Amino acid sequence: MAVQQENDQDYVKANNNVPSSLGQVRVQTKYEFLNYFRARRFYILLTIGLVIEVALTLVVWHSGGSSSFTDSLNFYSTWWGESATFVVIFCAIFFGGDAISSEFQNKTGYYLVPNPIRRSSIYIGKWLAAVAASLIIIAVATSITLINGIYYFGTSIPYQFGESFVFTLVYLISALGLSFFFSSMFKSASYSILVSVVLLLFGFTVIEELISIFVHIEPWFLLSYGSDIIANIMMSPYPKHSATVTEPVGRAGRTITFSTFNATVPEGLAIMLVYFAVTAVLGLVLFERKEFN
């Protein structure tokens, strides 16, 4: 980060004045993005992504390839629907979990704040760098998915996969917004990462299941519920918005009734975009008000 400070100062001296807000964001994004390539976390996450995709490739090949699926839509629904959300969650945790909190924990923020650069520029620059790094990971996962799909089913890629890919990008900015919010909330990187891991990996999903079983209301307030459209859009027909299911429990003839809900496409997009807008603003406000002491 000291190198980044020197580069920022050189930029200011070269221009002989304080750069504009856009210029500050550009400089911050550039050097934060380069920092990801100097750190091992980017390559660790890239390796994790490759392991997931290679494992799926081997599973599909071992199970019989194209004969395991009814058509190309079923293939993309199974493959991308299962892996896309996990790739996004790992990107949010690795690139956003401690993006802000590490500045407080490692005291590196002391080198940034005295410079003539707005905190909002620092926050936005870090977020844009995280998005750019995440897009590389997602691009690798998408490429392997398409290579397998073209190998088994040719170049007739269903349009639903394109829609699902767009929804994945919306989920990415929402998940990063949430992880940046937690990173601004805590001064400890371990706390912010832990909260992001718990909620994004299984917390939201568990809460969604409990609400469906015991409360029987639509969990429209959960990010995981909105992100379900990534997989649902590739199902034909699209799952019903709500349904009631009764299943037997035990041997005494008892049954349990629970409700299942599926967000519509407009509803899912709205949930994810609201999460992004609210958490991004709250995270920035927290970062603006928190003192380095």
C-alpha atoms as a PDB file:
ATOM      1  CA  MET A   1       0.000   0.000   0.000  1.00  0.00           C
ATOM      2  CA  ALA A   2       2.981   2.296   0.538  1.00  0.00           C
ATOM      3  CA  VAL A   3       3.799   1.824  -3.155  1.00  0.00           C
ATOM      4  CA  GLN A   4       0.252   2.846  -3.956  1.00  0.00           C
ATOM      5  CA  GLN A   5       0.669   5.991  -1.840  1.00  0.00           C
ATOM      6  CA  GLU A   6       3.812   6.972  -3.734  1.00  0.00           C
ATOM      7  CA  ASN A   7       2.089   6.431  -7.062  1.00  0.00           C
ATOM      8  CA  ASP A   8      -0.872   8.559  -5.977  1.00  0.00           C
ATOM      9  CA  GLN A   9       1.444  11.332  -4.834  1.00  0.00           C
ATOM     10  CA  ASP A  10       3.391  11.199  -8.103  1.00  0.00           C
ATOM     11  CA  TYR A  11       0.110  11.463  -9.990  1.00  0.00           C
ATOM     12  CA  VAL A  12      -0.840  14.599  -8.044  1.00  0.00           C
ATOM     13  CA  LYS A  13       2.581  16.202  -8.535  1.00  0.00           C
ATOM     14  CA  ALA A  14       2.615  15.439 -12.231  1.00  0.00           C
ATOM     15  CA  ASN A  15      -0.709  17.184 -12.684  1.00  0.00           C
ATOM     16  CA  ASN A  16       0.256  19.966 -10.249  1.00  0.00           C
ATOM     17  CA  ASN A  17      -3.220  19.885  -8.686  1.00  0.00           C
ATOM     18  CA  VAL A  18      -5.668  17.618  -6.914  1.00  0.00           C
ATOM     19  CA  PRO A  19      -7.166  15.132  -9.404  1.00  0.00           C
ATOM     20  CA  SER A  20     -10.903  15.092  -9.973  1.00  0.00           C
ATOM     21  CA  SER A  21     -13.123  12.530  -8.283  1.00  0.00           C
ATOM     22  CA  LEU A  22     -13.133  10.451 -11.462  1.00  0.00           C
ATOM     23  CA  GLY A  23      -9.363  10.626 -11.659  1.00  0.00           C
ATOM     24  CA  GLN A  24      -9.040   9.556  -8.034  1.00  0.00           C
ATOM     25  CA  VAL A  25     -11.322   6.575  -8.642  1.00  0.00           C
ATOM     26  CA  ARG A  26      -9.325   5.618 -11.732  1.00  0.00           C
ATOM     27  CA  VAL A  27      -5.982   5.722  -9.876  1.00  0.00           C
ATOM     28  CA  GLN A  28      -7.377   3.819  -6.884  1.00  0.00           C
ATOM     29  CA  THR A  29      -8.949   1.160  -9.112  1.00  0.00           C
ATOM     30  CA  LYS A  30      -5.774   0.718 -11.142  1.00  0.00           C
ATOM     31  CA  TYR A  31      -3.417   0.102  -8.237  1.00  0.00           C
ATOM     32  CA  GLU A  32      -5.917  -1.900  -6.197  1.00  0.00           C
ATOM     33  CA  PHE A  33      -6.457  -4.144  -9.227  1.00  0.00           C
ATOM     34  CA  LEU A  34      -2.697  -4.594  -9.589  1.00  0.00           C
ATOM     35  CA  ASN A  35      -2.467  -5.461  -5.896  1.00  0.00           C
ATOM     36  CA  TYR A  36      -4.750  -8.442  -6.476  1.00  0.00           C
ATOM     37  CA  PHE A  37      -2.250  -9.890  -8.930  1.00  0.00           C
ATOM     38  CA  ARG A  38       0.564  -9.390  -6.432  1.00  0.00           C
ATOM     39  CA  ALA A  39      -1.373 -11.250  -3.746  1.00  0.00           C
ATOM     40  CA  ARG A  40      -1.851 -14.996  -3.545  1.00  0.00           C
ATOM     41  CA  ARG A  41      -5.593 -14.800  -2.937  1.00  0.00           C
ATOM     42  CA  PHE A  42      -6.336 -14.159  -6.623  1.00  0.00           C
ATOM     43  CA  TYR A  43      -4.462 -17.272  -7.692  1.00  0.00           C
ATOM     44  CA  ILE A  44      -5.958 -19.296  -4.844  1.00  0.00           C
ATOM     45  CA  LEU A  45      -9.451 -18.327  -5.962  1.00  0.00           C
ATOM     46  CA  LEU A  46      -8.569 -18.981  -9.595  1.00  0.00           C
ATOM     47  CA  THR A  47      -7.382 -22.447  -8.572  1.00  0.00           C
ATOM     48  CA  ILE A  48     -10.605 -23.072  -6.635  1.00  0.00           C
ATOM     49  CA  GLY A  49     -12.646 -22.043  -9.666  1.00  0.00           C
ATOM     50  CA  LEU A  50     -10.642 -24.320 -11.934  1.00  0.00           C
ATOM     51  CA  VAL A  51     -10.986 -27.232  -9.503  1.00  0.00           C
ATOM     52  CA  ILE A  52     -14.787 -26.787  -9.422  1.00  0.00           C
ATOM     53  CA  GLU A  53     -15.067 -26.661 -13.205  1.00  0.00           C
ATOM     54  CA  VAL A  54     -12.638 -29.533 -13.801  1.00  0.00           C
ATOM     55  CA  ALA A  55     -14.475 -31.641 -11.215  1.00  0.00           C
ATOM     56  CA  LEU A  56     -17.768 -30.984 -13.009  1.00  0.00           C
ATOM     57  CA  THR A  57     -16.124 -31.872 -16.317  1.00  0.00           C
ATOM     58  CA  LEU A  58     -14.951 -35.220 -14.948  1.00  0.00           C
ATOM     59  CA  VAL A  59     -18.322 -35.967 -13.334  1.00  0.00           C
ATOM     60  CA  VAL A  60     -20.207 -35.294 -16.572  1.00  0.00           C
ATOM     61  CA  TRP A  61     -17.725 -37.334 -18.598  1.00  0.00           C
ATOM     62  CA  HIS A  62     -17.845 -40.256 -16.147  1.00  0.00           C
ATOM     63  CA  SER A  63     -21.668 -40.251 -16.067  1.00  0.00           C
ATOM     64  CA  GLY A  64     -21.942 -40.596 -19.826  1.00  0.00           C
ATOM     65  CA  GLY A  65     -21.603 -37.091 -21.242  1.00  0.00           C
ATOM     66  CA  SER A  66     -24.543 -35.886 -23.323  1.00  0.00           C
ATOM     67  CA  SER A  67     -26.549 -39.046 -22.601  1.00  0.00           C
ATOM     68  CA  SER A  68     -26.959 -37.843 -19.001  1.00  0.00           C
ATOM     69  CA  PHE A  69     -28.999 -34.838 -20.095  1.00  0.00           C
ATOM     70  CA  THR A  70     -32.239 -34.497 -22.025  1.00  0.00           C
ATOM     71  CA  ASP A  71     -31.014 -31.530 -24.067  1.00  0.00           C
ATOM     72  CA  SER A  72     -28.562 -28.616 -24.038  1.00  0.00           C
ATOM     73  CA  LEU A  73     -30.814 -26.533 -21.788  1.00  0.00           C
ATOM     74  CA  ASN A  74     -30.831 -29.302 -19.206  1.00  0.00           C
ATOM     75  CA  PHE A  75     -27.024 -29.449 -19.415  1.00  0.00           C
ATOM     76  CA  TYR A  76     -26.520 -25.712 -18.873  1.00  0.00           C
ATOM     77  CA  SER A  77     -29.181 -25.648 -16.166  1.00  0.00           C
ATOM     78  CA  THR A  78     -27.435 -28.403 -14.230  1.00  0.00           C
ATOM     79  CA  TRP A  79     -23.877 -27.169 -14.771  1.00  0.00           C
ATOM     80  CA  TRP A  80     -24.205 -23.387 -14.558  1.00  0.00           C
ATOM     81  CA  GLY A  81     -27.091 -23.444 -12.120  1.00  0.00           C
ATOM     82  CA  GLU A  82     -25.024 -25.417  -9.614  1.00  0.00           C
ATOM     83  CA  SER A  83     -21.671 -23.624  -9.999  1.00  0.00           C
ATOM     84  CA  ALA A  84     -22.387 -19.957 -10.806  1.00  0.00           C
ATOM     85  CA  THR A  85     -23.613 -18.900  -7.374  1.00  0.00           C
ATOM     86  CA  PHE A  86     -20.673 -20.571  -5.628  1.00  0.00           C
ATOM     87  CA  VAL A  87     -18.174 -18.817  -7.893  1.00  0.00           C
ATOM     88  CA  VAL A  88     -19.810 -15.455  -7.146  1.00  0.00           C
ATOM     89  CA  ILE A  89     -19.877 -16.110  -3.396  1.00  0.00           C
ATOM     90  CA  PHE A  90     -16.183 -17.010  -3.333  1.00  0.00           C
ATOM     91  CA  CYS A  91     -15.373 -13.855  -5.321  1.00  0.00           C
ATOM     92  CA  ALA A  92     -17.314 -11.719  -2.830  1.00  0.00           C
ATOM     93  CA  ILE A  93     -15.540 -13.324   0.118  1.00  0.00           C
ATOM     94  CA  PHE A  94     -12.022 -13.240  -1.331  1.00  0.00           C
ATOM     95  CA  PHE A  95     -12.144  -9.773  -2.892  1.00  0.00           C
ATOM     96  CA  GLY A  96     -14.634  -7.963  -0.669  1.00  0.00           C
ATOM     97  CA  GLY A  97     -14.484  -9.650   2.719  1.00  0.00           C
ATOM     98  CA  ASP A  98     -11.594  -7.551   4.040  1.00  0.00           C
ATOM     99  CA  ALA A  99     -11.265  -4.859   1.365  1.00  0.00           C
ATOM    100  CA  ILE A 100     -12.022  -2.063   3.847  1.00  0.00           C
ATOM    101  CA  SER A 101     -11.486  -3.671   7.252  1.00  0.00           C
ATOM    102  CA  SER A 102      -7.878  -4.556   6.380  1.00  0.00           C
ATOM    103  CA  GLU A 103      -7.127  -0.823   6.030  1.00  0.00           C
ATOM    104  CA  PHE A 104      -8.013  -0.419   9.721  1.00  0.00           C
ATOM    105  CA  GLN A 105      -6.516  -3.668  10.989  1.00  0.00           C
ATOM    106  CA  ASN A 106      -3.194  -3.329   9.151  1.00  0.00           C
ATOM    107  CA  LYS A 107      -3.043   0.461   9.654  1.00  0.00           C
ATOM    108  CA  THR A 108      -2.505   0.906   5.908  1.00  0.00           C
ATOM    109  CA  GLY A 109      -5.354   3.406   5.861  1.00  0.00           C
ATOM    110  CA  TYR A 110      -3.032   5.912   7.513  1.00  0.00           C
ATOM    111  CA  TYR A 111      -1.102   6.094   4.234  1.00  0.00           C
ATOM    112  CA  LEU A 112      -4.236   6.719   2.196  1.00  0.00           C
ATOM    113  CA  VAL A 113      -6.276   9.173   4.246  1.00  0.00           C
ATOM    114  CA  PRO A 114      -3.635  11.968   4.477  1.00  0.00           C
ATOM    115  CA  ASN A 115      -3.412  12.039   0.672  1.00  0.00           C
ATOM    116  CA  PRO A 116      -5.645  14.479  -1.233  1.00  0.00           C
ATOM    117  CA  ILE A 117      -8.085  11.716  -2.122  1.00  0.00           C
ATOM    118  CA  ARG A 118     -11.686  11.368  -1.022  1.00  0.00           C
ATOM    119  CA  ARG A 119     -12.762   8.363   0.992  1.00  0.00           C
ATOM    120  CA  SER A 120     -15.588   7.800  -1.463  1.00  0.00           C
ATOM    121  CA  SER A 121     -12.992   7.514  -4.248  1.00  0.00           C
ATOM    122  CA  ILE A 122     -11.077   4.933  -2.208  1.00  0.00           C
ATOM    123  CA  TYR A 123     -14.247   2.926  -1.550  1.00  0.00           C
ATOM    124  CA  ILE A 124     -15.511   3.029  -5.140  1.00  0.00           C
ATOM    125  CA  GLY A 125     -12.049   2.304  -6.545  1.00  0.00           C
ATOM    126  CA  LYS A 126     -11.673  -0.756  -4.336  1.00  0.00           C
ATOM    127  CA  TRP A 127     -15.131  -1.977  -5.290  1.00  0.00           C
ATOM    128  CA  LEU A 128     -14.487  -1.565  -9.014  1.00  0.00           C
ATOM    129  CA  ALA A 129     -11.167  -3.403  -8.690  1.00  0.00           C
ATOM    130  CA  ALA A 130     -12.955  -6.254  -6.892  1.00  0.00           C
ATOM    131  CA  VAL A 131     -15.549  -6.402  -9.677  1.00  0.00           C
ATOM    132  CA  ALA A 132     -12.815  -6.482 -12.353  1.00  0.00           C
ATOM    133  CA  ALA A 133     -10.912  -9.270 -10.588  1.00  0.00           C
ATOM    134  CA  SER A 134     -14.148 -11.231 -10.090  1.00  0.00           C
ATOM    135  CA  LEU A 135     -15.024 -10.920 -13.774  1.00  0.00           C
ATOM    136  CA  ILE A 136     -11.781 -12.695 -14.666  1.00  0.00           C
ATOM    137  CA  ILE A 137     -12.701 -15.629 -12.407  1.00  0.00           C
ATOM    138  CA  ILE A 138     -16.233 -15.741 -13.806  1.00  0.00           C
ATOM    139  CA  ALA A 139     -14.899 -15.541 -17.369  1.00  0.00           C
ATOM    140  CA  VAL A 140     -12.742 -18.615 -16.758  1.00  0.00           C
ATOM    141  CA  ALA A 141     -15.696 -20.550 -15.308  1.00  0.00           C
ATOM    142  CA  THR A 142     -17.939 -19.473 -18.186  1.00  0.00           C
ATOM    143  CA  SER A 143     -15.359 -20.501 -20.786  1.00  0.00           C
ATOM    144  CA  ILE A 144     -15.047 -24.020 -19.358  1.00  0.00           C
ATOM    145  CA  THR A 145     -18.850 -24.311 -19.220  1.00  0.00           C
ATOM    146  CA  LEU A 146     -19.182 -23.282 -22.859  1.00  0.00           C
ATOM    147  CA  ILE A 147     -16.357 -25.581 -23.985  1.00  0.00           C
ATOM    148  CA  ASN A 148     -18.124 -28.555 -22.424  1.00  0.00           C
ATOM    149  CA  GLY A 149     -21.515 -27.481 -23.728  1.00  0.00           C
ATOM    150  CA  ILE A 150     -20.230 -27.044 -27.294  1.00  0.00           C
ATOM    151  CA  TYR A 151     -18.383 -30.368 -27.113  1.00  0.00           C
ATOM    152  CA  TYR A 152     -21.509 -32.297 -26.128  1.00  0.00           C
ATOM    153  CA  PHE A 153     -24.296 -30.325 -27.838  1.00  0.00           C
ATOM    154  CA  GLY A 154     -22.673 -28.184 -30.498  1.00  0.00           C
ATOM    155  CA  THR A 155     -22.938 -24.446 -30.895  1.00  0.00           C
ATOM    156  CA  SER A 156     -26.687 -24.264 -30.260  1.00  0.00           C
ATOM    157  CA  ILE A 157     -26.407 -22.476 -26.925  1.00  0.00           C
ATOM    158  CA  PRO A 158     -29.849 -21.787 -25.394  1.00  0.00           C
ATOM    159  CA  TYR A 159     -30.676 -18.122 -24.926  1.00  0.00           C
ATOM    160  CA  GLN A 160     -31.636 -18.861 -21.312  1.00  0.00           C
ATOM    161  CA  PHE A 161     -27.950 -19.372 -20.553  1.00  0.00           C
ATOM    162  CA  GLY A 162     -27.254 -15.812 -21.681  1.00  0.00           C
ATOM    163  CA  GLU A 163     -29.995 -14.523 -19.395  1.00  0.00           C
ATOM    164  CA  SER A 164     -28.627 -16.580 -16.516  1.00  0.00           C
ATOM    165  CA  PHE A 165     -25.159 -15.143 -17.142  1.00  0.00           C
ATOM    166  CA  VAL A 166     -26.539 -11.598 -16.903  1.00  0.00           C
ATOM    167  CA  PHE A 167     -28.327 -12.500 -13.649  1.00  0.00           C
ATOM    168  CA  THR A 168     -25.019 -13.866 -12.355  1.00  0.00           C
ATOM    169  CA  LEU A 169     -23.362 -10.488 -12.930  1.00  0.00           C
ATOM    170  CA  VAL A 170     -26.204  -8.752 -11.071  1.00  0.00           C
ATOM    171  CA  TYR A 171     -25.724 -11.208  -8.207  1.00  0.00           C
ATOM    172  CA  LEU A 172     -21.992 -10.433  -8.259  1.00  0.00           C
ATOM    173  CA  ILE A 173     -22.437  -6.705  -7.665  1.00  0.00           C
ATOM    174  CA  SER A 174     -25.019  -7.447  -4.948  1.00  0.00           C
ATOM    175  CA  ALA A 175     -22.779  -9.930  -3.135  1.00  0.00           C
ATOM    176  CA  LEU A 176     -19.786  -7.584  -3.376  1.00  0.00           C
ATOM    177  CA  GLY A 177     -21.917  -4.730  -2.079  1.00  0.00           C
ATOM    178  CA  LEU A 178     -22.884  -6.862   0.919  1.00  0.00           C
ATOM    179  CA  SER A 179     -19.324  -8.029   1.645  1.00  0.00           C
ATOM    180  CA  PHE A 180     -18.021  -4.444   1.365  1.00  0.00           C
ATOM    181  CA  PHE A 181     -20.717  -3.378   3.823  1.00  0.00           C
ATOM    182  CA  PHE A 182     -19.535  -5.927   6.382  1.00  0.00           C
ATOM    183  CA  SER A 183     -15.935  -4.949   5.666  1.00  0.00           C
ATOM    184  CA  SER A 184     -16.806  -1.325   6.502  1.00  0.00           C
ATOM    185  CA  MET A 185     -18.728  -2.362   9.605  1.00  0.00           C
ATOM    186  CA  PHE A 186     -15.825  -4.135  11.314  1.00  0.00           C
ATOM    187  CA  LYS A 187     -12.262  -3.010  11.900  1.00  0.00           C
ATOM    188  CA  SER A 188     -11.171  -6.637  12.119  1.00  0.00           C
ATOM    189  CA  ALA A 189     -10.649  -8.404   8.802  1.00  0.00           C
ATOM    190  CA  SER A 190     -11.330 -11.798  10.364  1.00  0.00           C
ATOM    191  CA  TYR A 191     -14.751 -10.664  11.637  1.00  0.00           C
ATOM    192  CA  SER A 192     -15.840  -9.163   8.324  1.00  0.00           C
ATOM    193  CA  ILE A 193     -14.711 -12.239   6.391  1.00  0.00           C
ATOM    194  CA  LEU A 194     -16.397 -14.589   8.862  1.00  0.00           C
ATOM    195  CA  VAL A 195     -19.743 -12.790   8.647  1.00  0.00           C
ATOM    196  CA  SER A 196     -19.557 -12.768   4.844  1.00  0.00           C
ATOM    197  CA  VAL A 197     -18.744 -16.489   4.765  1.00  0.00           C
ATOM    198  CA  VAL A 198     -21.521 -17.462   7.175  1.00  0.00           C
ATOM    199  CA  LEU A 199     -24.265 -15.454   5.470  1.00  0.00           C
ATOM    200  CA  LEU A 200     -23.354 -15.929   1.820  1.00  0.00           C
ATOM    201  CA  LEU A 201     -22.317 -19.591   1.935  1.00  0.00           C
ATOM    202  CA  PHE A 202     -25.130 -21.051   4.013  1.00  0.00           C
ATOM    203  CA  GLY A 203     -26.740 -18.491   6.342  1.00  0.00           C
ATOM    204  CA  PHE A 204     -29.231 -17.043   3.872  1.00  0.00           C
ATOM    205  CA  THR A 205     -30.056 -20.504   2.515  1.00  0.00           C
ATOM    206  CA  VAL A 206     -30.727 -21.974   5.967  1.00  0.00           C
ATOM    207  CA  ILE A 207     -32.925 -19.026   6.943  1.00  0.00           C
ATOM    208  CA  GLU A 208     -34.830 -19.370   3.663  1.00  0.00           C
ATOM    209  CA  GLU A 209     -35.482 -23.068   4.342  1.00  0.00           C
ATOM    210  CA  LEU A 210     -36.616 -22.454   7.932  1.00  0.00           C
ATOM    211  CA  ILE A 211     -38.997 -19.705   6.855  1.00  0.00           C
ATOM    212  CA  SER A 212     -40.525 -21.931   4.181  1.00  0.00           C
ATOM    213  CA  ILE A 213     -41.029 -24.833   6.619  1.00  0.00           C
ATOM    214  CA  PHE A 214     -42.188 -23.079   9.785  1.00  0.00           C
ATOM    215  CA  VAL A 215     -43.419 -19.605   8.855  1.00  0.00           C
ATOM    216  CA  HIS A 216     -44.843 -20.235   5.352  1.00  0.00           C
ATOM    217  CA  ILE A 217     -44.145 -16.746   4.045  1.00  0.00           C
ATOM    218  CA  GLU A 218     -42.260 -15.688   0.945  1.00  0.00           C
ATOM    219  CA  PRO A 219     -38.622 -14.865   1.879  1.00  0.00           C
ATOM    220  CA  TRP A 220     -38.469 -11.857  -0.463  1.00  0.00           C
ATOM    221  CA  PHE A 221     -36.074 -10.079   1.918  1.00  0.00           C
ATOM    222  CA  LEU A 222     -33.231 -12.606   1.436  1.00  0.00           C
ATOM    223  CA  LEU A 223     -30.505 -12.211  -1.182  1.00  0.00           C
ATOM    224  CA  SER A 224     -30.333 -15.969  -1.765  1.00  0.00           C
ATOM    225  CA  TYR A 225     -34.014 -15.977  -2.696  1.00  0.00           C
ATOM    226  CA  GLY A 226     -33.441 -13.380  -5.398  1.00  0.00           C
ATOM    227  CA  SER A 227     -30.379 -15.176  -6.745  1.00  0.00           C
ATOM    228  CA  ASP A 228     -32.423 -18.340  -7.348  1.00  0.00           C
ATOM    229  CA  ILE A 229     -33.440 -16.896 -10.734  1.00  0.00           C
ATOM    230  CA  ILE A 230     -29.926 -17.734 -11.987  1.00  0.00           C
ATOM    231  CA  ALA A 231     -30.840 -21.435 -12.038  1.00  0.00           C
ATOM    232  CA  ASN A 232     -34.620 -21.119 -12.382  1.00  0.00           C
ATOM    233  CA  ILE A 233     -34.455 -19.208 -15.667  1.00  0.00           C
ATOM    234  CA  MET A 234     -32.980 -22.308 -17.322  1.00  0.00           C
ATOM    235  CA  MET A 235     -35.803 -24.575 -16.180  1.00  0.00           C
ATOM    236  CA  SER A 236     -38.636 -25.356 -18.579  1.00  0.00           C
ATOM    237  CA  PRO A 237     -41.251 -24.559 -17.528  1.00  0.00           C
ATOM    238  CA  TYR A 238     -40.221 -21.861 -15.066  1.00  0.00           C
ATOM    239  CA  PRO A 239     -41.003 -23.002 -11.481  1.00  0.00           C
ATOM    240  CA  LYS A 240     -44.289 -21.894  -9.956  1.00  0.00           C
ATOM    241  CA  HIS A 241     -44.143 -18.824  -7.753  1.00  0.00           C
ATOM    242  CA  SER A 242     -45.504 -20.713  -4.738  1.00  0.00           C
ATOM    243  CA  ALA A 243     -46.661 -24.202  -3.834  1.00  0.00           C
ATOM    244  CA  THR A 244     -47.587 -26.209  -0.749  1.00  0.00           C
ATOM    245  CA  VAL A 245     -46.015 -29.622  -0.227  1.00  0.00           C
ATOM    246  CA  THR A 246     -47.004 -32.306   2.307  1.00  0.00           C
ATOM    247  CA  GLU A 247     -44.554 -35.102   3.063  1.00  0.00           C
ATOM    248  CA  PRO A 248     -44.655 -38.041   5.525  1.00  0.00           C
ATOM    249  CA  VAL A 249     -42.398 -37.918   8.591  1.00  0.00           C
ATOM    250  CA  GLY A 250     -41.417 -41.028  10.522  1.00  0.00           C
ATOM    251  CA  ARG A 251     -43.461 -44.233  10.790  1.00  0.00           C
ATOM    252  CA  ALA A 252     -46.440 -42.982  12.776  1.00  0.00           C
ATOM    253  CA  GLY A 253     -48.245 -41.598   9.764  1.00  0.00           C
ATOM    254  CA  ARG A 254     -47.400 -38.027  10.657  1.00  0.00           C
ATOM    255  CA  THR A 255     -46.864 -35.498   7.906  1.00  0.00           C
ATOM    256  CA  ILE A 256     -45.191 -32.137   7.584  1.00  0.00           C
ATOM    257  CA  THR A 257     -46.496 -29.350   5.390  1.00  0.00           C
ATOM    258  CA  PHE A 258     -44.188 -26.682   4.073  1.00  0.00           C
ATOM    259  CA  SER A 259     -44.313 -24.030   1.393  1.00  0.00           C
ATOM    260  CA  THR A 260     -41.961 -23.558  -1.504  1.00  0.00           C
ATOM    261  CA  PHE A 261     -41.446 -20.188  -3.149  1.00  0.00           C
ATOM    262  CA  ASN A 262     -39.642 -19.120  -6.316  1.00  0.00           C
ATOM    263  CA  ALA A 263     -38.969 -15.497  -7.158  1.00  0.00           C
ATOM    264  CA  THR A 264     -40.149 -14.270 -10.528  1.00  0.00           C
ATOM    265  CA  VAL A 265     -37.466 -12.761 -12.769  1.00  0.00           C
ATOM    266  CA  PRO A 266     -38.482  -9.109 -12.107  1.00  0.00           C
ATOM    267  CA  GLU A 267     -38.738  -9.838  -8.382  1.00  0.00           C
ATOM    268  CA  GLY A 268     -35.342 -11.564  -8.258  1.00  0.00           C
ATOM    269  CA  LEU A 269     -33.641  -8.715 -10.115  1.00  0.00           C
ATOM    270  CA  ALA A 270     -35.310  -6.158  -7.843  1.00  0.00           C
ATOM    271  CA  ILE A 271     -34.162  -7.985  -4.692  1.00  0.00           C
ATOM    272  CA  MET A 272     -30.543  -8.183  -5.858  1.00  0.00           C
ATOM    273  CA  LEU A 273     -30.426  -4.567  -7.067  1.00  0.00           C
ATOM    274  CA  VAL A 274     -31.960  -3.276  -3.826  1.00  0.00           C
ATOM    275  CA  TYR A 275     -29.382  -5.246  -1.833  1.00  0.00           C
ATOM    276  CA  PHE A 276     -26.624  -3.684  -3.925  1.00  0.00           C
ATOM    277  CA  ALA A 277     -27.950  -0.131  -3.610  1.00  0.00           C
ATOM    278  CA  VAL A 278     -28.626  -0.285   0.135  1.00  0.00           C
ATOM    279  CA  THR A 279     -25.450  -2.087   1.187  1.00  0.00           C
ATOM    280  CA  ALA A 280     -23.221  -0.004  -1.102  1.00  0.00           C
ATOM    281  CA  VAL A 281     -24.549   3.248   0.342  1.00  0.00           C
ATOM    282  CA  LEU A 282     -24.451   2.029   3.949  1.00  0.00           C
ATOM    283  CA  GLY A 283     -20.932   0.653   3.502  1.00  0.00           C
ATOM    284  CA  LEU A 284     -19.714   3.969   2.104  1.00  0.00           C
ATOM    285  CA  VAL A 285     -21.381   5.924   4.931  1.00  0.00           C
ATOM    286  CA  LEU A 286     -19.707   3.702   7.534  1.00  0.00           C
ATOM    287  CA  PHE A 287     -16.322   4.097   5.866  1.00  0.00           C
ATOM    288  CA  GLU A 288     -16.730   7.886   5.673  1.00  0.00           C
ATOM    289  CA  ARG A 289     -17.548   8.171   9.381  1.00  0.00           C
ATOM    290  CA  LYS A 290     -15.110   5.640  10.831  1.00  0.00           C
ATOM    291  CA  GLU A 291     -11.919   7.132  12.250  1.00  0.00           C
ATOM    292  CA  PHE A 292      -8.385   5.745  12.017  1.00  0.00           C
ATOM    293  CA  ASN A 293      -7.261   5.827  15.638  1.00  0.00           C
END
